[in-house]
Structure formats: structure tokens, C-alpha cells
């Protein structure tokens, strides 16, 4: 299996680039080549724009020794909370988190859960 990262621009209604999303395979495994690719994608991004990344990249981002100038927002699917990632991992994250909700039931769960800070 080829391990790959992709950087995709996000545009507003005026077709102005307002953010970048770093995309990866779901079952992602880090190695030196992938880490170098991630660093290159970050380095070649406008530092004023936020970078949306999968929550799976959290550990790698925390281990980088260099300062990342972009705002980092980690994306996580609601169903991954407590099934793949612990609530503690979310609460202790150094980065902002964007919760992706797919069903109305997940929204109801979120409203009644301990996730809120």
C-alpha cells in the first residue's frame, strides 16, 4: 500500500483560498519519508492560513521540533471518540479540534456528553 499525504486548498465563496486540508489514508503509518512529506507540505503553505489535518497526525505534529507558524486544526469523526481515541487525548491536545458529525444522533450525543469544555 502506498502511504500518501495530499494538501488540498479550501476556498470561500469569492474563490479566495482560506485554508488548506492535509488528507491521508485512514490507516496511516508514519515513517521518515512520510514525515518529510508532511513537513514539506506545511513549509510550502501560506503561514497565514490554517491547516486542517486528521487527528491521526496529532502525535507526529507534537513531536516536530520546529515551530509550525500556521494555525493547526485537527479533524476527528464523532464516532472515533472513545472507539479509536480517548476523551483524554482530545482534552489534552495542543491543537484546536474540529468535530465532524455525520448523523443527528451524534449531535444529540455531543450535546449531552462530557466533551464540552
PDB file of N, CA and C in Angstrom:
ATOM      1  N   UNK A   1       0.837  -1.186   0.000  1.00  0.00           N
ATOM      2  CA  UNK A   1       0.000   0.000   0.000  1.00  0.00           C
ATOM      3  C   UNK A   1       0.880   1.247   0.000  1.00  0.00           C
ATOM      4  N   UNK A   2       0.570   2.176  -0.824  1.00  0.00           N
ATOM      5  CA  UNK A   2       1.301   3.436  -0.883  1.00  0.00           C
ATOM      6  C   UNK A   2       0.786   4.343   0.223  1.00  0.00           C
ATOM      7  N   UNK A   3       1.702   4.882   1.015  1.00  0.00           N
ATOM      8  CA  UNK A   3       1.306   5.813   2.061  1.00  0.00           C
ATOM      9  C   UNK A   3       1.476   7.215   1.510  1.00  0.00           C
ATOM     10  N   UNK A   4       0.405   8.002   1.578  1.00  0.00           N
ATOM     11  CA  UNK A   4       0.425   9.271   0.875  1.00  0.00           C
ATOM     12  C   UNK A   4      -0.269  10.355   1.684  1.00  0.00           C
ATOM     13  N   UNK A   5       0.238  11.554   1.543  1.00  0.00           N
ATOM     14  CA  UNK A   5      -0.387  12.755   2.077  1.00  0.00           C
ATOM     15  C   UNK A   5      -0.695  13.675   0.913  1.00  0.00           C
ATOM     16  N   UNK A   6      -1.796  14.388   1.019  1.00  0.00           N
ATOM     17  CA  UNK A   6      -2.195  15.320  -0.032  1.00  0.00           C
ATOM     18  C   UNK A   6      -2.602  16.628   0.628  1.00  0.00           C
ATOM     19  N   UNK A   7      -2.214  17.741   0.028  1.00  0.00           N
ATOM     20  CA  UNK A   7      -2.641  19.058   0.511  1.00  0.00           C
ATOM     21  C   UNK A   7      -3.687  19.590  -0.453  1.00  0.00           C
ATOM     22  N   UNK A   8      -4.863  19.947   0.087  1.00  0.00           N
ATOM     23  CA  UNK A   8      -5.958  20.435  -0.743  1.00  0.00           C
ATOM     24  C   UNK A   8      -6.371  21.828  -0.263  1.00  0.00           C
ATOM     25  N   UNK A   9      -6.445  22.803  -1.174  1.00  0.00           N
ATOM     26  CA  UNK A   9      -6.891  24.140  -0.767  1.00  0.00           C
ATOM     27  C   UNK A   9      -8.393  24.163  -0.497  1.00  0.00           C
ATOM     28  N   UNK A  10      -8.809  25.045   0.403  1.00  0.00           N
ATOM     29  CA  UNK A  10     -10.218  25.278   0.698  1.00  0.00           C
ATOM     30  C   UNK A  10     -10.515  26.723   0.324  1.00  0.00           C
ATOM     31  N   UNK A  11     -11.547  26.922  -0.479  1.00  0.00           N
ATOM     32  CA  UNK A  11     -11.881  28.260  -0.981  1.00  0.00           C
ATOM     33  C   UNK A  11     -13.181  28.766  -0.374  1.00  0.00           C
ATOM     34  N   UNK A  12     -13.287  30.100  -0.264  1.00  0.00           N
ATOM     35  CA  UNK A  12     -14.547  30.694   0.168  1.00  0.00           C
ATOM     36  C   UNK A  12     -15.411  30.982  -1.061  1.00  0.00           C
ATOM     37  N   UNK A  13     -16.546  31.646  -0.867  1.00  0.00           N
ATOM     38  CA  UNK A  13     -17.471  31.916  -1.975  1.00  0.00           C
ATOM     39  C   UNK A  13     -16.876  32.839  -3.030  1.00  0.00           C
ATOM     40  N   UNK A  14     -15.892  33.620  -2.664  1.00  0.00           N
ATOM     41  CA  UNK A  14     -15.235  34.527  -3.622  1.00  0.00           C
ATOM     42  C   UNK A  14     -14.040  33.863  -4.303  1.00  0.00           C
ATOM     43  N   UNK A  15     -13.917  32.565  -4.112  1.00  0.00           N
ATOM     44  CA  UNK A  15     -12.824  31.766  -4.675  1.00  0.00           C
ATOM     45  C   UNK A  15     -11.448  32.211  -4.187  1.00  0.00           C
ATOM     46  N   UNK A  16     -11.409  32.685  -2.957  1.00  0.00           N
ATOM     47  CA  UNK A  16     -10.144  33.019  -2.319  1.00  0.00           C
ATOM     48  C   UNK A  16      -9.756  31.842  -1.416  1.00  0.00           C
ATOM     49  N   UNK A  17      -8.514  31.409  -1.511  1.00  0.00           N
ATOM     50  CA  UNK A  17      -8.046  30.307  -0.677  1.00  0.00           C
ATOM     51  C   UNK A  17      -8.021  30.769   0.786  1.00  0.00           C
ATOM     52  N   UNK A  18      -8.735  30.060   1.648  1.00  0.00           N
ATOM     53  CA  UNK A  18      -8.834  30.464   3.047  1.00  0.00           C
ATOM     54  C   UNK A  18      -8.232  29.444   4.020  1.00  0.00           C
ATOM     55  N   UNK A  19      -7.884  28.266   3.516  1.00  0.00           N
ATOM     56  CA  UNK A  19      -7.289  27.233   4.370  1.00  0.00           C
ATOM     57  C   UNK A  19      -6.751  26.111   3.489  1.00  0.00           C
ATOM     58  N   UNK A  20      -6.002  25.225   4.115  1.00  0.00           N
ATOM     59  CA  UNK A  20      -5.541  24.011   3.446  1.00  0.00           C
ATOM     60  C   UNK A  20      -5.932  22.820   4.303  1.00  0.00           C
ATOM     61  N   UNK A  21      -6.243  21.719   3.640  1.00  0.00           N
ATOM     62  CA  UNK A  21      -6.513  20.466   4.340  1.00  0.00           C
ATOM     63  C   UNK A  21      -5.428  19.470   3.947  1.00  0.00           C
ATOM     64  N   UNK A  22      -4.835  18.841   4.933  1.00  0.00           N
ATOM     65  CA  UNK A  22      -3.893  17.756   4.683  1.00  0.00           C
ATOM     66  C   UNK A  22      -4.706  16.470   4.820  1.00  0.00           C
ATOM     67  N   UNK A  23      -4.716  15.671   3.773  1.00  0.00           N
ATOM     68  CA  UNK A  23      -5.501  14.439   3.754  1.00  0.00           C
ATOM     69  C   UNK A  23      -4.570  13.239   3.783  1.00  0.00           C
ATOM     70  N   UNK A  24      -5.019  12.161   4.407  1.00  0.00           N
ATOM     71  CA  UNK A  24      -4.224  10.934   4.457  1.00  0.00           C
ATOM     72  C   UNK A  24      -5.156   9.734   4.456  1.00  0.00           C
ATOM     73  N   UNK A  25      -4.571   8.560   4.215  1.00  0.00           N
ATOM     74  CA  UNK A  25      -5.337   7.327   4.334  1.00  0.00           C
ATOM     75  C   UNK A  25      -5.760   7.138   5.781  1.00  0.00           C
ATOM     76  N   UNK A  26      -6.877   6.442   5.990  1.00  0.00           N
ATOM     77  CA  UNK A  26      -7.386   6.223   7.343  1.00  0.00           C
ATOM     78  C   UNK A  26      -6.402   5.437   8.213  1.00  0.00           C
ATOM     79  N   UNK A  27      -5.893   4.338   7.716  1.00  0.00           N
ATOM     80  CA  UNK A  27      -4.954   3.505   8.484  1.00  0.00           C
ATOM     81  C   UNK A  27      -3.528   3.938   8.171  1.00  0.00           C
ATOM     82  N   UNK A  28      -3.190   5.091   8.641  1.00  0.00           N
ATOM     83  CA  UNK A  28      -1.952   5.759   8.298  1.00  0.00           C
ATOM     84  C   UNK A  28      -0.822   5.307   9.205  1.00  0.00           C
ATOM     85  N   UNK A  29       0.333   4.998   8.632  1.00  0.00           N
ATOM     86  CA  UNK A  29       1.511   4.629   9.412  1.00  0.00           C
ATOM     87  C   UNK A  29       2.646   5.592   9.061  1.00  0.00           C
ATOM     88  N   UNK A  30       3.233   6.156  10.103  1.00  0.00           N
ATOM     89  CA  UNK A  30       4.298   7.122   9.874  1.00  0.00           C
ATOM     90  C   UNK A  30       5.636   6.442   9.670  1.00  0.00           C
ATOM     91  N   UNK A  31       6.432   7.036   8.797  1.00  0.00           N
ATOM     92  CA  UNK A  31       7.830   6.663   8.634  1.00  0.00           C
ATOM     93  C   UNK A  31       8.570   7.948   8.273  1.00  0.00           C
ATOM     94  N   UNK A  32       9.861   7.862   8.099  1.00  0.00           N
ATOM     95  CA  UNK A  32      10.663   9.065   7.856  1.00  0.00           C
ATOM     96  C   UNK A  32      10.261   9.775   6.569  1.00  0.00           C
ATOM     97  N   UNK A  33       9.990   9.025   5.518  1.00  0.00           N
ATOM     98  CA  UNK A  33       9.608   9.627   4.234  1.00  0.00           C
ATOM     99  C   UNK A  33       8.285  10.395   4.346  1.00  0.00           C
ATOM    100  N   UNK A  34       7.326   9.801   5.036  1.00  0.00           N
ATOM    101  CA  UNK A  34       6.023  10.449   5.211  1.00  0.00           C
ATOM    102  C   UNK A  34       6.162  11.692   6.087  1.00  0.00           C
ATOM    103  N   UNK A  35       6.978  11.597   7.121  1.00  0.00           N
ATOM    104  CA  UNK A  35       7.217  12.752   7.982  1.00  0.00           C
ATOM    105  C   UNK A  35       7.837  13.893   7.186  1.00  0.00           C
ATOM    106  N   UNK A  36       8.801  13.582   6.336  1.00  0.00           N
ATOM    107  CA  UNK A  36       9.424  14.610   5.495  1.00  0.00           C
ATOM    108  C   UNK A  36       8.413  15.224   4.530  1.00  0.00           C
ATOM    109  N   UNK A  37       7.526  14.395   3.980  1.00  0.00           N
ATOM    110  CA  UNK A  37       6.488  14.902   3.079  1.00  0.00           C
ATOM    111  C   UNK A  37       5.560  15.851   3.824  1.00  0.00           C
ATOM    112  N   UNK A  38       5.157  15.477   5.044  1.00  0.00           N
ATOM    113  CA  UNK A  38       4.286  16.337   5.846  1.00  0.00           C
ATOM    114  C   UNK A  38       4.963  17.672   6.134  1.00  0.00           C
ATOM    115  N   UNK A  39       6.224  17.629   6.518  1.00  0.00           N
ATOM    116  CA  UNK A  39       6.962  18.872   6.781  1.00  0.00           C
ATOM    117  C   UNK A  39       7.046  19.744   5.532  1.00  0.00           C
ATOM    118  N   UNK A  40       7.247  19.126   4.384  1.00  0.00           N
ATOM    119  CA  UNK A  40       7.314  19.874   3.127  1.00  0.00           C
ATOM    120  C   UNK A  40       5.963  20.524   2.803  1.00  0.00           C
ATOM    121  N   UNK A  41       4.874  19.793   2.995  1.00  0.00           N
ATOM    122  CA  UNK A  41       3.540  20.355   2.741  1.00  0.00           C
ATOM    123  C   UNK A  41       3.264  21.546   3.655  1.00  0.00           C
ATOM    124  N   UNK A  42       3.642  21.418   4.920  1.00  0.00           N
ATOM    125  CA  UNK A  42       3.447  22.519   5.867  1.00  0.00           C
ATOM    126  C   UNK A  42       4.317  23.703   5.478  1.00  0.00           C
ATOM    127  N   UNK A  43       5.580  23.436   5.171  1.00  0.00           N
ATOM    128  CA  UNK A  43       6.528  24.501   4.818  1.00  0.00           C
ATOM    129  C   UNK A  43       6.089  25.272   3.567  1.00  0.00           C
ATOM    130  N   UNK A  44       5.447  24.588   2.627  1.00  0.00           N
ATOM    131  CA  UNK A  44       5.024  25.222   1.375  1.00  0.00           C
ATOM    132  C   UNK A  44       3.593  25.750   1.422  1.00  0.00           C
ATOM    133  N   UNK A  45       3.089  25.998   2.616  1.00  0.00           N
ATOM    134  CA  UNK A  45       1.750  26.570   2.787  1.00  0.00           C
ATOM    135  C   UNK A  45       1.874  28.009   3.264  1.00  0.00           C
ATOM    136  N   UNK A  46       0.947  28.836   2.853  1.00  0.00           N
ATOM    137  CA  UNK A  46       0.895  30.212   3.335  1.00  0.00           C
ATOM    138  C   UNK A  46       0.748  30.173   4.854  1.00  0.00           C
ATOM    139  N   UNK A  47       1.648  30.814   5.566  1.00  0.00           N
ATOM    140  CA  UNK A  47       1.656  30.743   7.030  1.00  0.00           C
ATOM    141  C   UNK A  47       0.461  31.436   7.673  1.00  0.00           C
ATOM    142  N   UNK A  48      -0.260  32.240   6.920  1.00  0.00           N
ATOM    143  CA  UNK A  48      -1.435  32.926   7.454  1.00  0.00           C
ATOM    144  C   UNK A  48      -2.683  32.048   7.432  1.00  0.00           C
ATOM    145  N   UNK A  49      -2.629  30.946   6.689  1.00  0.00           N
ATOM    146  CA  UNK A  49      -3.815  30.108   6.519  1.00  0.00           C
ATOM    147  C   UNK A  49      -3.787  28.908   7.460  1.00  0.00           C
ATOM    148  N   UNK A  50      -4.948  28.560   8.019  1.00  0.00           N
ATOM    149  CA  UNK A  50      -4.995  27.380   8.889  1.00  0.00           C
ATOM    150  C   UNK A  50      -4.814  26.088   8.102  1.00  0.00           C
ATOM    151  N   UNK A  51      -4.290  25.089   8.789  1.00  0.00           N
ATOM    152  CA  UNK A  51      -4.123  23.752   8.214  1.00  0.00           C
ATOM    153  C   UNK A  51      -5.054  22.788   8.956  1.00  0.00           C
ATOM    154  N   UNK A  52      -5.982  22.191   8.234  1.00  0.00           N
ATOM    155  CA  UNK A  52      -6.870  21.172   8.794  1.00  0.00           C
ATOM    156  C   UNK A  52      -6.227  19.818   8.542  1.00  0.00           C
ATOM    157  N   UNK A  53      -6.053  19.029   9.602  1.00  0.00           N
ATOM    158  CA  UNK A  53      -5.369  17.740   9.473  1.00  0.00           C
ATOM    159  C   UNK A  53      -6.133  16.666  10.231  1.00  0.00           C
ATOM    160  N   UNK A  54      -5.992  15.413   9.792  1.00  0.00           N
ATOM    161  CA  UNK A  54      -6.621  14.320  10.536  1.00  0.00           C
ATOM    162  C   UNK A  54      -6.047  14.221  11.952  1.00  0.00           C
ATOM    163  N   UNK A  55      -6.897  13.876  12.899  1.00  0.00           N
ATOM    164  CA  UNK A  55      -6.461  13.718  14.285  1.00  0.00           C
ATOM    165  C   UNK A  55      -5.341  12.680  14.393  1.00  0.00           C
ATOM    166  N   UNK A  56      -5.293  11.745  13.462  1.00  0.00           N
ATOM    167  CA  UNK A  56      -4.253  10.707  13.455  1.00  0.00           C
ATOM    168  C   UNK A  56      -2.844  11.294  13.346  1.00  0.00           C
ATOM    169  N   UNK A  57      -2.721  12.518  12.849  1.00  0.00           N
ATOM    170  CA  UNK A  57      -1.404  13.156  12.710  1.00  0.00           C
ATOM    171  C   UNK A  57      -0.967  13.889  13.981  1.00  0.00           C
ATOM    172  N   UNK A  58      -1.804  13.890  15.007  1.00  0.00           N
ATOM    173  CA  UNK A  58      -1.537  14.637  16.241  1.00  0.00           C
ATOM    174  C   UNK A  58      -0.173  14.310  16.845  1.00  0.00           C
ATOM    175  N   UNK A  59       0.115  13.027  17.044  1.00  0.00           N
ATOM    176  CA  UNK A  59       1.386  12.641  17.673  1.00  0.00           C
ATOM    177  C   UNK A  59       2.583  13.130  16.867  1.00  0.00           C
ATOM    178  N   UNK A  60       2.521  12.994  15.562  1.00  0.00           N
ATOM    179  CA  UNK A  60       3.627  13.443  14.710  1.00  0.00           C
ATOM    180  C   UNK A  60       3.815  14.950  14.825  1.00  0.00           C
ATOM    181  N   UNK A  61       2.726  15.694  14.826  1.00  0.00           N
ATOM    182  CA  UNK A  61       2.817  17.152  14.933  1.00  0.00           C
ATOM    183  C   UNK A  61       3.414  17.567  16.271  1.00  0.00           C
ATOM    184  N   UNK A  62       3.047  16.870  17.335  1.00  0.00           N
ATOM    185  CA  UNK A  62       3.573  17.197  18.659  1.00  0.00           C
ATOM    186  C   UNK A  62       5.062  16.878  18.773  1.00  0.00           C
ATOM    187  N   UNK A  63       5.539  15.940  17.963  1.00  0.00           N
ATOM    188  CA  UNK A  63       6.948  15.542  18.031  1.00  0.00           C
ATOM    189  C   UNK A  63       7.862  16.402  17.163  1.00  0.00           C
ATOM    190  N   UNK A  64       7.291  17.209  16.279  1.00  0.00           N
ATOM    191  CA  UNK A  64       8.129  18.066  15.443  1.00  0.00           C
ATOM    192  C   UNK A  64       8.884  19.041  16.330  1.00  0.00           C
ATOM    193  N   UNK A  65      10.164  19.180  16.055  1.00  0.00           N
ATOM    194  CA  UNK A  65      10.984  20.081  16.854  1.00  0.00           C
ATOM    195  C   UNK A  65      10.877  21.525  16.390  1.00  0.00           C
ATOM    196  N   UNK A  66      10.424  21.727  15.170  1.00  0.00           N
ATOM    197  CA  UNK A  66      10.315  23.093  14.683  1.00  0.00           C
ATOM    198  C   UNK A  66       8.930  23.659  14.968  1.00  0.00           C
ATOM    199  N   UNK A  67       8.875  24.955  15.082  1.00  0.00           N
ATOM    200  CA  UNK A  67       7.619  25.652  15.332  1.00  0.00           C
ATOM    201  C   UNK A  67       6.826  25.757  14.030  1.00  0.00           C
ATOM    202  N   UNK A  68       5.571  25.366  14.048  1.00  0.00           N
ATOM    203  CA  UNK A  68       4.712  25.469  12.865  1.00  0.00           C
ATOM    204  C   UNK A  68       3.964  26.798  12.959  1.00  0.00           C
ATOM    205  N   UNK A  69       4.179  27.704  11.998  1.00  0.00           N
ATOM    206  CA  UNK A  69       3.560  29.029  12.086  1.00  0.00           C
ATOM    207  C   UNK A  69       2.049  29.028  11.816  1.00  0.00           C
ATOM    208  N   UNK A  70       1.564  28.053  11.078  1.00  0.00           N
ATOM    209  CA  UNK A  70       0.142  28.001  10.734  1.00  0.00           C
ATOM    210  C   UNK A  70      -0.702  27.580  11.937  1.00  0.00           C
ATOM    211  N   UNK A  71      -1.923  28.103  12.016  1.00  0.00           N
ATOM    212  CA  UNK A  71      -2.862  27.532  12.991  1.00  0.00           C
ATOM    213  C   UNK A  71      -3.183  26.094  12.553  1.00  0.00           C
ATOM    214  N   UNK A  72      -3.138  25.158  13.484  1.00  0.00           N
ATOM    215  CA  UNK A  72      -3.419  23.751  13.192  1.00  0.00           C
ATOM    216  C   UNK A  72      -4.773  23.389  13.796  1.00  0.00           C
ATOM    217  N   UNK A  73      -5.635  22.788  12.987  1.00  0.00           N
ATOM    218  CA  UNK A  73      -6.935  22.309  13.450  1.00  0.00           C
ATOM    219  C   UNK A  73      -7.018  20.827  13.106  1.00  0.00           C
ATOM    220  N   UNK A  74      -7.144  20.000  14.128  1.00  0.00           N
ATOM    221  CA  UNK A  74      -7.229  18.559  13.925  1.00  0.00           C
ATOM    222  C   UNK A  74      -8.683  18.151  13.724  1.00  0.00           C
ATOM    223  N   UNK A  75      -8.934  17.359  12.690  1.00  0.00           N
ATOM    224  CA  UNK A  75     -10.292  16.891  12.391  1.00  0.00           C
ATOM    225  C   UNK A  75     -10.475  15.487  12.956  1.00  0.00           C
ATOM    226  N   UNK A  76     -11.620  15.271  13.596  1.00  0.00           N
ATOM    227  CA  UNK A  76     -11.927  13.943  14.121  1.00  0.00           C
ATOM    228  C   UNK A  76     -13.405  13.649  13.896  1.00  0.00           C
ATOM    229  N   UNK A  77     -13.693  12.431  13.469  1.00  0.00           N
ATOM    230  CA  UNK A  77     -15.075  11.990  13.299  1.00  0.00           C
ATOM    231  C   UNK A  77     -15.669  11.716  14.682  1.00  0.00           C
ATOM    232  N   UNK A  78     -16.919  12.091  14.887  1.00  0.00           N
ATOM    233  CA  UNK A  78     -17.567  11.880  16.186  1.00  0.00           C
ATOM    234  C   UNK A  78     -17.516  10.421  16.618  1.00  0.00           C
ATOM    235  N   UNK A  79     -17.687   9.494  15.672  1.00  0.00           N
ATOM    236  CA  UNK A  79     -17.699   8.071  16.042  1.00  0.00           C
ATOM    237  C   UNK A  79     -16.322   7.554  16.458  1.00  0.00           C
ATOM    238  N   UNK A  80     -15.261   8.327  16.226  1.00  0.00           N
ATOM    239  CA  UNK A  80     -13.918   7.909  16.634  1.00  0.00           C
ATOM    240  C   UNK A  80     -13.639   8.193  18.108  1.00  0.00           C
ATOM    241  N   UNK A  81     -14.460   9.050  18.720  1.00  0.00           N
ATOM    242  CA  UNK A  81     -14.264   9.378  20.133  1.00  0.00           C
ATOM    243  C   UNK A  81     -14.687   8.176  20.963  1.00  0.00           C
ATOM    244  N   UNK A  82     -13.796   7.740  21.816  1.00  0.00           N
ATOM    245  CA  UNK A  82     -13.963   6.587  22.698  1.00  0.00           C
ATOM    246  C   UNK A  82     -13.903   5.245  21.976  1.00  0.00           C
ATOM    247  N   UNK A  83     -13.891   5.234  20.631  1.00  0.00           N
ATOM    248  CA  UNK A  83     -13.709   3.962  19.935  1.00  0.00           C
ATOM    249  C   UNK A  83     -12.270   3.841  19.430  1.00  0.00           C
ATOM    250  N   UNK A  84     -11.708   4.940  18.952  1.00  0.00           N
ATOM    251  CA  UNK A  84     -10.317   4.949  18.485  1.00  0.00           C
ATOM    252  C   UNK A  84      -9.466   5.844  19.382  1.00  0.00           C
ATOM    253  N   UNK A  85      -9.982   7.016  19.688  1.00  0.00           N
ATOM    254  CA  UNK A  85      -9.250   7.985  20.509  1.00  0.00           C
ATOM    255  C   UNK A  85      -9.994   8.214  21.815  1.00  0.00           C
ATOM    256  N   UNK A  86      -9.242   8.329  22.898  1.00  0.00           N
ATOM    257  CA  UNK A  86      -9.876   8.554  24.198  1.00  0.00           C
ATOM    258  C   UNK A  86     -10.262  10.022  24.349  1.00  0.00           C
ATOM    259  N   UNK A  87     -11.213  10.249  25.219  1.00  0.00           N
ATOM    260  CA  UNK A  87     -11.647  11.607  25.514  1.00  0.00           C
ATOM    261  C   UNK A  87     -10.486  12.417  26.084  1.00  0.00           C
ATOM    262  N   UNK A  88      -9.620  11.763  26.846  1.00  0.00           N
ATOM    263  CA  UNK A  88      -8.445  12.422  27.422  1.00  0.00           C
ATOM    264  C   UNK A  88      -7.514  12.928  26.328  1.00  0.00           C
ATOM    265  N   UNK A  89      -7.323  12.128  25.266  1.00  0.00           N
ATOM    266  CA  UNK A  89      -6.477  12.560  24.146  1.00  0.00           C
ATOM    267  C   UNK A  89      -6.991  13.857  23.535  1.00  0.00           C
ATOM    268  N   UNK A  90      -8.294  13.970  23.410  1.00  0.00           N
ATOM    269  CA  UNK A  90      -8.883  15.185  22.844  1.00  0.00           C
ATOM    270  C   UNK A  90      -8.687  16.362  23.779  1.00  0.00           C
ATOM    271  N   UNK A  91      -8.959  16.137  25.053  1.00  0.00           N
ATOM    272  CA  UNK A  91      -8.878  17.217  26.033  1.00  0.00           C
ATOM    273  C   UNK A  91      -7.453  17.715  26.231  1.00  0.00           C
ATOM    274  N   UNK A  92      -6.463  16.850  26.037  1.00  0.00           N
ATOM    275  CA  UNK A  92      -5.066  17.229  26.250  1.00  0.00           C
ATOM    276  C   UNK A  92      -4.358  17.666  24.972  1.00  0.00           C
ATOM    277  N   UNK A  93      -5.085  17.777  23.885  1.00  0.00           N
ATOM    278  CA  UNK A  93      -4.480  18.162  22.611  1.00  0.00           C
ATOM    279  C   UNK A  93      -3.926  19.585  22.671  1.00  0.00           C
ATOM    280  N   UNK A  94      -2.776  19.768  22.061  1.00  0.00           N
ATOM    281  CA  UNK A  94      -2.171  21.101  21.970  1.00  0.00           C
ATOM    282  C   UNK A  94      -2.817  21.937  20.870  1.00  0.00           C
ATOM    283  N   UNK A  95      -3.640  21.292  20.044  1.00  0.00           N
ATOM    284  CA  UNK A  95      -4.216  21.936  18.868  1.00  0.00           C
ATOM    285  C   UNK A  95      -5.730  22.054  18.992  1.00  0.00           C
ATOM    286  N   UNK A  96      -6.297  22.967  18.212  1.00  0.00           N
ATOM    287  CA  UNK A  96      -7.755  23.074  18.128  1.00  0.00           C
ATOM    288  C   UNK A  96      -8.299  21.826  17.450  1.00  0.00           C
ATOM    289  N   UNK A  97      -9.559  21.511  17.742  1.00  0.00           N
ATOM    290  CA  UNK A  97     -10.171  20.306  17.180  1.00  0.00           C
ATOM    291  C   UNK A  97     -11.476  20.665  16.481  1.00  0.00           C
ATOM    292  N   UNK A  98     -11.647  20.106  15.282  1.00  0.00           N
ATOM    293  CA  UNK A  98     -12.906  20.231  14.538  1.00  0.00           C
ATOM    294  C   UNK A  98     -13.589  18.870  14.591  1.00  0.00           C
ATOM    295  N   UNK A  99     -14.769  18.832  15.187  1.00  0.00           N
ATOM    296  CA  UNK A  99     -15.517  17.588  15.309  1.00  0.00           C
ATOM    297  C   UNK A  99     -16.425  17.438  14.102  1.00  0.00           C
ATOM    298  N   UNK A 100     -16.285  16.326  13.378  1.00  0.00           N
ATOM    299  CA  UNK A 100     -17.083  16.063  12.187  1.00  0.00           C
ATOM    300  C   UNK A 100     -18.253  15.166  12.567  1.00  0.00           C
ATOM    301  N   UNK A 101     -19.457  15.682  12.389  1.00  0.00           N
ATOM    302  CA  UNK A 101     -20.676  14.983  12.779  1.00  0.00           C
ATOM    303  C   UNK A 101     -21.408  14.536  11.525  1.00  0.00           C
ATOM    304  N   UNK A 102     -21.766  13.243  11.469  1.00  0.00           N
ATOM    305  CA  UNK A 102     -22.419  12.682  10.289  1.00  0.00           C
ATOM    306  C   UNK A 102     -23.904  12.435  10.460  1.00  0.00           C
ATOM    307  N   UNK A 103     -24.369  12.313  11.696  1.00  0.00           N
ATOM    308  CA  UNK A 103     -25.781  11.992  11.921  1.00  0.00           C
ATOM    309  C   UNK A 103     -26.359  12.880  13.014  1.00  0.00           C
ATOM    310  N   UNK A 104     -27.667  13.089  13.007  1.00  0.00           N
ATOM    311  CA  UNK A 104     -28.302  13.869  14.080  1.00  0.00           C
ATOM    312  C   UNK A 104     -28.103  13.223  15.459  1.00  0.00           C
ATOM    313  N   UNK A 105     -27.989  11.900  15.511  1.00  0.00           N
ATOM    314  CA  UNK A 105     -27.775  11.216  16.785  1.00  0.00           C
ATOM    315  C   UNK A 105     -26.440  11.616  17.407  1.00  0.00           C
ATOM    316  N   UNK A 106     -25.430  11.820  16.579  1.00  0.00           N
ATOM    317  CA  UNK A 106     -24.130  12.240  17.100  1.00  0.00           C
ATOM    318  C   UNK A 106     -24.214  13.638  17.689  1.00  0.00           C
ATOM    319  N   UNK A 107     -25.006  14.492  17.084  1.00  0.00           N
ATOM    320  CA  UNK A 107     -25.174  15.843  17.613  1.00  0.00           C
ATOM    321  C   UNK A 107     -25.880  15.790  18.960  1.00  0.00           C
ATOM    322  N   UNK A 108     -26.898  14.950  19.069  1.00  0.00           N
ATOM    323  CA  UNK A 108     -27.601  14.794  20.344  1.00  0.00           C
ATOM    324  C   UNK A 108     -26.654  14.254  21.409  1.00  0.00           C
ATOM    325  N   UNK A 109     -25.809  13.293  21.022  1.00  0.00           N
ATOM    326  CA  UNK A 109     -24.836  12.738  21.959  1.00  0.00           C
ATOM    327  C   UNK A 109     -23.870  13.821  22.427  1.00  0.00           C
ATOM    328  N   UNK A 110     -23.409  14.638  21.493  1.00  0.00           N
ATOM    329  CA  UNK A 110     -22.457  15.695  21.825  1.00  0.00           C
ATOM    330  C   UNK A 110     -23.063  16.680  22.813  1.00  0.00           C
ATOM    331  N   UNK A 111     -24.320  17.042  22.598  1.00  0.00           N
ATOM    332  CA  UNK A 111     -24.985  18.000  23.484  1.00  0.00           C
ATOM    333  C   UNK A 111     -25.120  17.488  24.910  1.00  0.00           C
ATOM    334  N   UNK A 112     -25.156  16.174  25.091  1.00  0.00           N
ATOM    335  CA  UNK A 112     -25.338  15.620  26.435  1.00  0.00           C
ATOM    336  C   UNK A 112     -24.065  14.989  26.999  1.00  0.00           C
ATOM    337  N   UNK A 113     -22.957  15.102  26.294  1.00  0.00           N
ATOM    338  CA  UNK A 113     -21.729  14.420  26.727  1.00  0.00           C
ATOM    339  C   UNK A 113     -20.833  15.318  27.561  1.00  0.00           C
ATOM    340  N   UNK A 114     -19.724  14.721  27.987  1.00  0.00           N
ATOM    341  CA  UNK A 114     -18.726  15.449  28.770  1.00  0.00           C
ATOM    342  C   UNK A 114     -17.656  16.064  27.886  1.00  0.00           C
ATOM    343  N   UNK A 115     -17.836  16.026  26.561  1.00  0.00           N
ATOM    344  CA  UNK A 115     -16.823  16.541  25.635  1.00  0.00           C
ATOM    345  C   UNK A 115     -16.679  18.048  25.777  1.00  0.00           C
ATOM    346  N   UNK A 116     -17.780  18.721  26.091  1.00  0.00           N
ATOM    347  CA  UNK A 116     -17.731  20.188  26.184  1.00  0.00           C
ATOM    348  C   UNK A 116     -16.753  20.620  27.259  1.00  0.00           C
ATOM    349  N   UNK A 117     -16.035  21.699  26.991  1.00  0.00           N
ATOM    350  CA  UNK A 117     -15.061  22.167  27.987  1.00  0.00           C
ATOM    351  C   UNK A 117     -15.588  23.361  28.734  1.00  0.00           C
TER     352      UNK A 117
END
